[in-house]
């Protein structure tokens, strides 16, 4: 702003100028009136528009993130002034990024994304910074930037493809590290030839697959000989290992692998062995005389059985009758009248 004043004396007219810096008026500056006498001047002011854009940033530098958080890139640059390289601090920065090179004319291209500056701009000629998060680990990103002043004037963007000496380091690889070791590995026998292996999910953005290995030799050697399988669905958290040898111990370990070839250390080993599962004891076993020489024996069916055996209660080593799975009754004939019979199933 500018304040213009004058003497109210016809014999001593003059124009004094004061500049408004945003918070106070500056010193009076006398400007000689070379055009004659002025009469009855009063106080007035006018707004001087800000026509000077912030200077273009020419040293935008991108570096792989240093905080060991996946998907981060650190940016730094020399801060311009509100007016060119001078004046106060700029108000904001407009940051663009893409997995493609951003040329001078690409700043507002539809294939670029905008990242919101989260800091407070520093004084001109000082180093300003921004950490960009949420990128795909291991991917390369290019960046472009414009400064913005309090009158919404924007600086310009010039790529190294236009001027070879500027913004030559405006790209970097997003920080990528090894996946975490999968947790919760467990192995459980399902039947005489099958073990079920399960684990907890990983959460890396660049996850590629789990690698599950088994050994029937020992918990330290022979892994991969009995099983070496890649499981590419991050939501798949179990594997059924089939056609195994009953009673033989199998050892398991697992690791996570990402899309950039990084992999976790192996988990601790767990073990299990396929085993015969003993069925429960049949219940409600009873006999009912159907005739003078026949008794009908009945019982409740149980799970996991492969058959039933009827034996003498006083001689369980001797099998009277072999029956198939899911059988719940059998009639014993050729018995003596008025004789008690005791059986077990």
Protein backbone atom coordinates (compact mmCIF):
# COMPACT_ATOMS: atom_id res chain seq x y z
CA UNK A 1 0.00 0.00 0.00
CA UNK A 2 1.04 3.63 -0.49
CA UNK A 3 -0.07 6.64 1.54
CA UNK A 4 0.03 9.96 -0.29
CA UNK A 5 -0.14 13.23 1.71
CA UNK A 6 0.24 16.95 0.95
CA UNK A 7 0.52 20.30 2.74
CA UNK A 8 -2.66 22.29 2.72
CA UNK A 9 -0.74 25.49 2.08
CA UNK A 10 -0.90 26.96 -1.42
CA UNK A 11 2.60 28.27 -0.96
CA UNK A 12 4.18 25.03 0.24
CA UNK A 13 2.57 22.14 -1.61
CA UNK A 14 4.35 18.79 -1.60
CA UNK A 15 3.73 15.04 -1.88
CA UNK A 16 4.99 12.62 0.74
CA UNK A 17 4.91 8.87 0.23
CA UNK A 18 4.72 6.17 2.87
CA UNK A 19 4.87 2.41 2.16
CA UNK A 20 2.73 -0.07 4.11
CA UNK A 21 4.73 -3.25 4.80
CA UNK A 22 1.81 -5.27 6.06
CA UNK A 23 1.98 -4.20 9.68
CA UNK A 24 3.02 -0.51 9.81
CA UNK A 25 3.69 2.58 7.68
CA UNK A 26 7.28 3.27 6.69
CA UNK A 27 9.17 6.58 6.79
CA UNK A 28 7.90 9.59 4.85
CA UNK A 29 9.62 10.15 1.54
CA UNK A 30 9.32 13.63 0.06
CA UNK A 31 8.60 13.88 -3.63
CA UNK A 32 9.06 17.36 -5.14
CA UNK A 33 6.06 18.77 -6.96
CA UNK A 34 7.36 19.75 -10.35
CA UNK A 35 3.98 20.33 -11.91
CA UNK A 36 2.88 23.47 -10.09
CA UNK A 37 0.84 24.34 -7.08
CA UNK A 38 -1.75 22.00 -5.59
CA UNK A 39 -4.56 23.14 -3.38
CA UNK A 40 -6.46 21.39 -0.63
CA UNK A 41 -4.71 17.98 -0.81
CA UNK A 42 -6.15 15.34 1.48
CA UNK A 43 -4.87 11.98 2.71
CA UNK A 44 -5.46 9.08 0.28
CA UNK A 45 -4.00 5.68 -0.50
CA UNK A 46 -3.90 3.15 -3.27
CA UNK A 47 -3.16 -0.58 -3.44
CA UNK A 48 -0.06 -1.55 -5.38
CA UNK A 49 -0.60 -5.07 -6.87
CA UNK A 50 2.00 -7.78 -6.25
CA UNK A 51 3.14 -8.62 -9.75
CA UNK A 52 6.32 -10.48 -8.84
CA UNK A 53 6.12 -14.27 -8.65
CA UNK A 54 8.29 -16.35 -6.34
CA UNK A 55 11.49 -17.46 -8.06
CA UNK A 56 11.59 -20.84 -9.77
CA UNK A 57 13.18 -23.61 -7.70
CA UNK A 58 16.19 -25.02 -9.57
CA UNK A 59 17.74 -27.49 -7.12
CA UNK A 60 14.88 -29.80 -6.13
CA UNK A 61 16.55 -32.95 -4.82
CA UNK A 62 14.88 -36.29 -4.01
CA UNK A 63 16.54 -38.86 -1.74
CA UNK A 64 15.44 -42.33 -0.67
CA UNK A 65 13.73 -42.00 2.72
CA UNK A 66 16.01 -42.04 5.76
CA UNK A 67 13.52 -42.86 8.52
CA UNK A 68 13.38 -46.59 7.64
CA UNK A 69 9.67 -46.36 6.92
CA UNK A 70 8.71 -48.15 3.72
CA UNK A 71 7.50 -45.99 0.83
CA UNK A 72 9.21 -42.72 1.86
CA UNK A 73 11.26 -40.20 -0.15
CA UNK A 74 12.88 -37.07 1.32
CA UNK A 75 12.78 -33.82 -0.71
CA UNK A 76 14.93 -30.72 -0.23
CA UNK A 77 15.37 -27.42 -2.11
CA UNK A 78 16.48 -23.82 -1.64
CA UNK A 79 13.55 -21.65 -0.61
CA UNK A 80 12.76 -18.68 -2.92
CA UNK A 81 11.38 -15.35 -1.73
CA UNK A 82 7.89 -13.98 -1.91
CA UNK A 83 9.08 -11.71 -4.75
CA UNK A 84 11.62 -13.56 -6.82
CA UNK A 85 14.48 -14.45 -4.50
CA UNK A 86 13.70 -11.54 -2.15
CA UNK A 87 10.91 -10.42 0.13
CA UNK A 88 9.40 -12.50 2.89
CA UNK A 89 8.73 -16.23 3.04
CA UNK A 90 6.50 -17.81 0.46
CA UNK A 91 3.14 -19.08 1.71
CA UNK A 92 3.08 -22.62 0.35
CA UNK A 93 4.47 -25.10 -2.16
CA UNK A 94 2.67 -27.08 -4.84
CA UNK A 95 4.39 -30.47 -5.15
CA UNK A 96 3.73 -32.90 -8.01
CA UNK A 97 4.97 -36.49 -8.30
CA UNK A 98 4.75 -39.42 -10.70
CA UNK A 99 6.43 -42.67 -11.62
CA UNK A 100 7.12 -40.95 -14.99
CA UNK A 101 9.56 -38.14 -15.76
CA UNK A 102 7.87 -34.73 -15.28
CA UNK A 103 8.95 -32.32 -18.01
CA UNK A 104 8.56 -28.53 -18.00
CA UNK A 105 5.16 -28.74 -19.67
CA UNK A 106 3.97 -31.73 -17.64
CA UNK A 107 3.45 -30.02 -14.29
CA UNK A 108 -0.35 -30.11 -14.50
CA UNK A 109 -0.57 -33.32 -16.54
CA UNK A 110 -3.41 -35.64 -15.54
CA UNK A 111 -0.96 -38.48 -14.81
CA UNK A 112 0.78 -36.52 -12.05
CA UNK A 113 -0.35 -36.58 -8.42
CA UNK A 114 -0.30 -33.74 -5.90
CA UNK A 115 1.35 -34.04 -2.51
CA UNK A 116 0.32 -31.54 0.19
CA UNK A 117 3.22 -29.62 1.73
CA UNK A 118 3.00 -30.14 5.49
CA UNK A 119 5.64 -27.76 6.83
CA UNK A 120 6.08 -24.02 7.27
CA UNK A 121 8.11 -22.35 4.50
CA UNK A 122 11.51 -21.12 5.65
CA UNK A 123 13.29 -17.85 4.89
CA UNK A 124 14.56 -17.21 1.35
CA UNK A 125 17.91 -18.83 0.49
CA UNK A 126 17.43 -21.41 3.31
CA UNK A 127 16.98 -25.14 2.77
CA UNK A 128 13.37 -26.32 2.89
CA UNK A 129 12.33 -29.97 3.16
CA UNK A 130 9.40 -32.36 2.86
CA UNK A 131 9.13 -36.11 3.50
CA UNK A 132 6.76 -37.76 1.04
CA UNK A 133 5.07 -40.88 2.44
CA UNK A 134 2.73 -43.57 1.19
CA UNK A 135 4.65 -44.42 -2.00
CA UNK A 136 5.13 -47.93 -3.35
CA UNK A 137 8.37 -49.28 -1.83
CA UNK A 138 11.09 -49.88 -4.40
CA UNK A 139 9.45 -47.80 -7.17
CA UNK A 140 11.19 -44.74 -8.70
CA UNK A 141 9.36 -41.40 -8.47
CA UNK A 142 9.98 -38.00 -10.15
CA UNK A 143 9.00 -34.71 -8.48
CA UNK A 144 8.24 -31.13 -9.53
CA UNK A 145 7.57 -28.07 -7.38
CA UNK A 146 6.30 -24.49 -7.51
CA UNK A 147 6.33 -21.89 -4.72
CA UNK A 148 3.15 -19.90 -3.94
CA UNK A 149 3.03 -16.41 -2.36
CA UNK A 150 0.33 -14.70 -0.29
CA UNK A 151 -1.26 -13.21 -3.43
CA UNK A 152 -1.56 -16.69 -4.97
CA UNK A 153 1.23 -16.02 -7.43
CA UNK A 154 2.98 -19.22 -8.50
CA UNK A 155 6.58 -19.70 -9.40
CA UNK A 156 7.47 -21.65 -12.52
CA UNK A 157 8.75 -25.21 -13.01
CA UNK A 158 11.65 -26.00 -15.31
CA UNK A 159 12.87 -29.55 -15.80
CA UNK A 160 16.37 -30.70 -16.59
CA UNK A 161 15.09 -31.68 -20.02
CA UNK A 162 14.62 -27.97 -20.78
CA UNK A 163 17.63 -26.56 -18.92
CA UNK A 164 20.22 -29.26 -18.33
CA UNK A 165 21.68 -27.66 -15.19
CA UNK A 166 18.48 -27.41 -13.12
CA UNK A 167 16.58 -29.98 -11.04
CA UNK A 168 18.88 -32.79 -12.11
CA UNK A 169 18.26 -34.88 -8.96
CA UNK A 170 14.48 -34.65 -8.65
CA UNK A 171 13.92 -38.43 -8.61
CA UNK A 172 14.59 -41.27 -6.16
CA UNK A 173 13.58 -44.79 -5.18
CA UNK A 174 10.99 -45.04 -2.39
CA UNK A 175 12.49 -46.66 0.68
CA UNK A 176 12.15 -50.43 0.64
CA UNK A 177 13.22 -52.92 3.27
CA UNK A 178 12.90 -56.65 3.91
CA UNK A 179 9.41 -57.92 4.78
CA UNK A 180 8.68 -58.89 8.36
CA UNK A 181 9.07 -62.54 9.36
CA UNK A 182 5.62 -64.22 9.25
CA UNK A 183 4.36 -64.98 12.73
CA UNK A 184 2.04 -67.57 14.24
CA UNK A 185 3.38 -70.56 12.29
CA UNK A 186 1.65 -73.75 13.45
CA UNK A 187 1.35 -77.36 12.21
CA UNK A 188 -1.41 -79.82 13.16
CA UNK A 189 -2.03 -83.43 12.13
CA UNK A 190 -5.33 -83.87 10.28
CA UNK A 191 -5.25 -87.60 9.60
CA UNK A 192 -2.83 -90.45 9.00
CA UNK A 193 -1.34 -88.79 5.89
CA UNK A 194 -2.06 -85.06 6.23
CA UNK A 195 -0.74 -82.06 8.18
CA UNK A 196 -2.33 -78.60 8.12
CA UNK A 197 0.12 -75.65 8.36
CA UNK A 198 -1.10 -72.13 9.21
CA UNK A 199 0.38 -68.65 9.93
CA UNK A 200 -0.57 -64.99 10.46
CA UNK A 201 -0.79 -62.43 7.63
CA UNK A 202 1.89 -59.95 6.61
CA UNK A 203 0.92 -56.37 5.75
CA UNK A 204 3.62 -54.99 3.39
CA UNK A 205 2.36 -52.90 0.44
CA UNK A 206 4.84 -54.62 -1.88
CA UNK A 207 4.19 -58.16 -0.60
CA UNK A 208 4.66 -60.79 -3.30
CA UNK A 209 4.46 -64.26 -1.75
CA UNK A 210 5.05 -66.57 1.19
CA UNK A 211 7.63 -69.34 0.81
CA UNK A 212 6.86 -72.48 2.84
CA UNK A 213 9.36 -75.30 3.19
CA UNK A 214 9.30 -78.67 4.97
CA UNK A 215 11.85 -81.25 6.00
CA UNK A 216 11.31 -84.84 7.15
CA UNK A 217 14.98 -85.12 8.08
CA UNK A 218 15.54 -82.66 10.95
CA UNK A 219 14.60 -79.19 12.16
CA UNK A 220 17.81 -77.74 10.67
CA UNK A 221 18.55 -79.73 7.48
CA UNK A 222 16.76 -81.08 4.44
CA UNK A 223 14.34 -78.19 3.97
CA UNK A 224 12.89 -77.93 0.49
CA UNK A 225 13.22 -81.63 -0.24
CA UNK A 226 9.78 -82.57 1.08
CA UNK A 227 8.08 -79.24 0.37
CA UNK A 228 9.08 -75.94 -1.27
CA UNK A 229 5.98 -74.00 -2.25
CA UNK A 230 5.32 -70.31 -3.07
CA UNK A 231 1.94 -68.93 -1.94
CA UNK A 232 1.23 -65.67 -3.79
CA UNK A 233 -2.08 -64.69 -2.19
CA UNK A 234 -1.39 -62.63 0.96
CA UNK A 235 -4.83 -63.63 2.27
CA UNK A 236 -4.01 -67.36 2.07
CA UNK A 237 -2.90 -68.28 5.55
CA UNK A 238 -2.80 -72.08 5.50
CA UNK A 239 -1.48 -75.00 3.49
CA UNK A 240 -2.53 -78.66 3.51
CA UNK A 241 0.48 -80.99 3.22
CA UNK A 242 -0.77 -84.33 1.94
CA UNK A 243 0.41 -87.88 1.13
CA UNK A 244 2.75 -88.05 4.13
CA UNK A 245 4.12 -91.02 6.01
CA UNK A 246 2.15 -91.90 9.10
CA UNK A 247 4.13 -91.36 12.29
CA UNK A 248 7.02 -89.53 10.59
CA UNK A 249 7.84 -86.05 11.95
CA UNK A 250 7.77 -83.14 9.50
CA UNK A 251 9.40 -79.75 10.24
CA UNK A 252 8.14 -76.49 8.72
CA UNK A 253 9.45 -72.93 8.28
CA UNK A 254 8.16 -69.90 6.34
CA UNK A 255 9.37 -66.52 5.08
CA UNK A 256 7.82 -63.52 3.25
CA UNK A 257 9.08 -62.18 -0.08
CA UNK A 258 8.29 -58.80 -1.71
CA UNK A 259 7.97 -57.75 -5.34
CA UNK A 260 11.47 -56.22 -5.38
CA UNK A 261 13.25 -59.44 -4.48
CA UNK A 262 13.65 -58.71 -0.77
CA UNK A 263 12.78 -61.48 1.67
CA UNK A 264 12.48 -61.89 5.40
CA UNK A 265 14.52 -64.23 7.54
CA UNK A 266 13.05 -67.68 8.03
CA UNK A 267 10.64 -68.18 10.90
CA UNK A 268 11.31 -70.55 13.75
CA UNK A 269 10.47 -74.15 12.86
CA UNK A 270 7.40 -76.04 14.02
CA UNK A 271 6.72 -79.75 13.66
CA UNK A 272 3.94 -82.31 13.53
CA UNK A 273 3.48 -85.92 12.48
CA UNK A 274 0.53 -87.62 10.78
CA UNK A 275 -1.05 -89.88 13.35
CA UNK A 276 -3.84 -92.32 13.77
CA UNK A 277 -6.73 -90.61 15.47
CA UNK A 278 -8.41 -92.96 17.96
CA UNK A 279 -12.18 -92.78 17.56
CA UNK A 280 -14.31 -92.23 20.60
CA UNK A 281 -16.06 -95.14 22.39
CA UNK A 282 -19.47 -96.05 20.93
CA UNK A 283 -22.29 -95.14 23.29
CA UNK A 284 -25.72 -96.59 24.10
CA UNK A 285 -24.57 -100.17 23.44
CA UNK A 286 -27.40 -102.57 24.27
CA UNK A 287 -28.90 -105.92 23.33
CA UNK A 288 -32.49 -106.88 22.57
CA UNK A 289 -33.73 -110.48 22.31
CA UNK A 290 -35.50 -110.98 19.01
CA UNK A 291 -36.19 -114.73 19.46
CA UNK A 292 -35.16 -117.73 21.54
CA UNK A 293 -31.78 -117.83 19.77
CA UNK A 294 -31.17 -114.25 18.46
CA UNK A 295 -30.04 -110.98 20.09
CA UNK A 296 -29.93 -107.67 18.25
CA UNK A 297 -26.99 -105.50 19.38
CA UNK A 298 -27.23 -101.68 18.75
CA UNK A 299 -25.03 -98.62 19.44
CA UNK A 300 -24.51 -95.01 18.37
CA UNK A 301 -22.19 -94.28 15.44
CA UNK A 302 -18.97 -92.30 16.12
CA UNK A 303 -16.69 -90.17 13.90
CA UNK A 304 -13.31 -91.13 12.42
CA UNK A 305 -13.94 -94.87 12.69
CA UNK A 306 -12.99 -97.31 9.94
CA UNK A 307 -15.11 -100.16 11.29
CA UNK A 308 -16.51 -101.89 14.36
CA UNK A 309 -15.56 -105.11 16.17
CA UNK A 310 -17.89 -107.16 18.41
CA UNK A 311 -16.00 -109.11 21.10
CA UNK A 312 -16.69 -111.29 24.13
CA UNK A 313 -16.81 -109.22 27.29
CA UNK A 314 -14.71 -111.85 29.08
CA UNK A 315 -12.31 -112.42 26.21
CA UNK A 316 -11.64 -109.18 24.34
CA UNK A 317 -8.80 -110.77 22.38
CA UNK A 318 -11.32 -112.77 20.38
CA UNK A 319 -13.33 -111.00 17.67
CA UNK A 320 -16.84 -112.34 17.16
CA UNK A 321 -17.77 -110.09 14.26
CA UNK A 322 -16.10 -107.45 12.06
CA UNK A 323 -18.42 -104.71 10.79
CA UNK A 324 -17.91 -101.82 8.34
CA UNK A 325 -17.80 -98.09 9.21
CA UNK A 326 -21.09 -96.38 10.04
CA UNK A 327 -22.73 -99.67 11.15
CA UNK A 328 -24.99 -99.23 14.20
CA UNK A 329 -26.55 -102.71 14.66
CA UNK A 330 -25.85 -106.42 14.33
CA UNK A 331 -27.94 -109.50 15.09
CA UNK A 332 -26.20 -112.45 16.72
CA UNK A 333 -27.86 -115.82 16.06
CA UNK A 334 -27.55 -119.50 17.12
CA UNK A 335 -27.65 -118.63 20.81
CA UNK A 336 -28.93 -120.82 23.64
CA UNK A 337 -32.29 -120.23 25.25
CA UNK A 338 -32.39 -118.86 28.79
CA UNK A 339 -28.66 -117.95 28.67
CA UNK A 340 -27.11 -114.55 29.41
CA UNK A 341 -24.62 -113.12 26.87
CA UNK A 342 -22.16 -110.28 27.42
CA UNK A 343 -20.51 -108.43 24.56
CA UNK A 344 -18.37 -105.31 23.97
CA UNK A 345 -18.15 -103.12 20.83
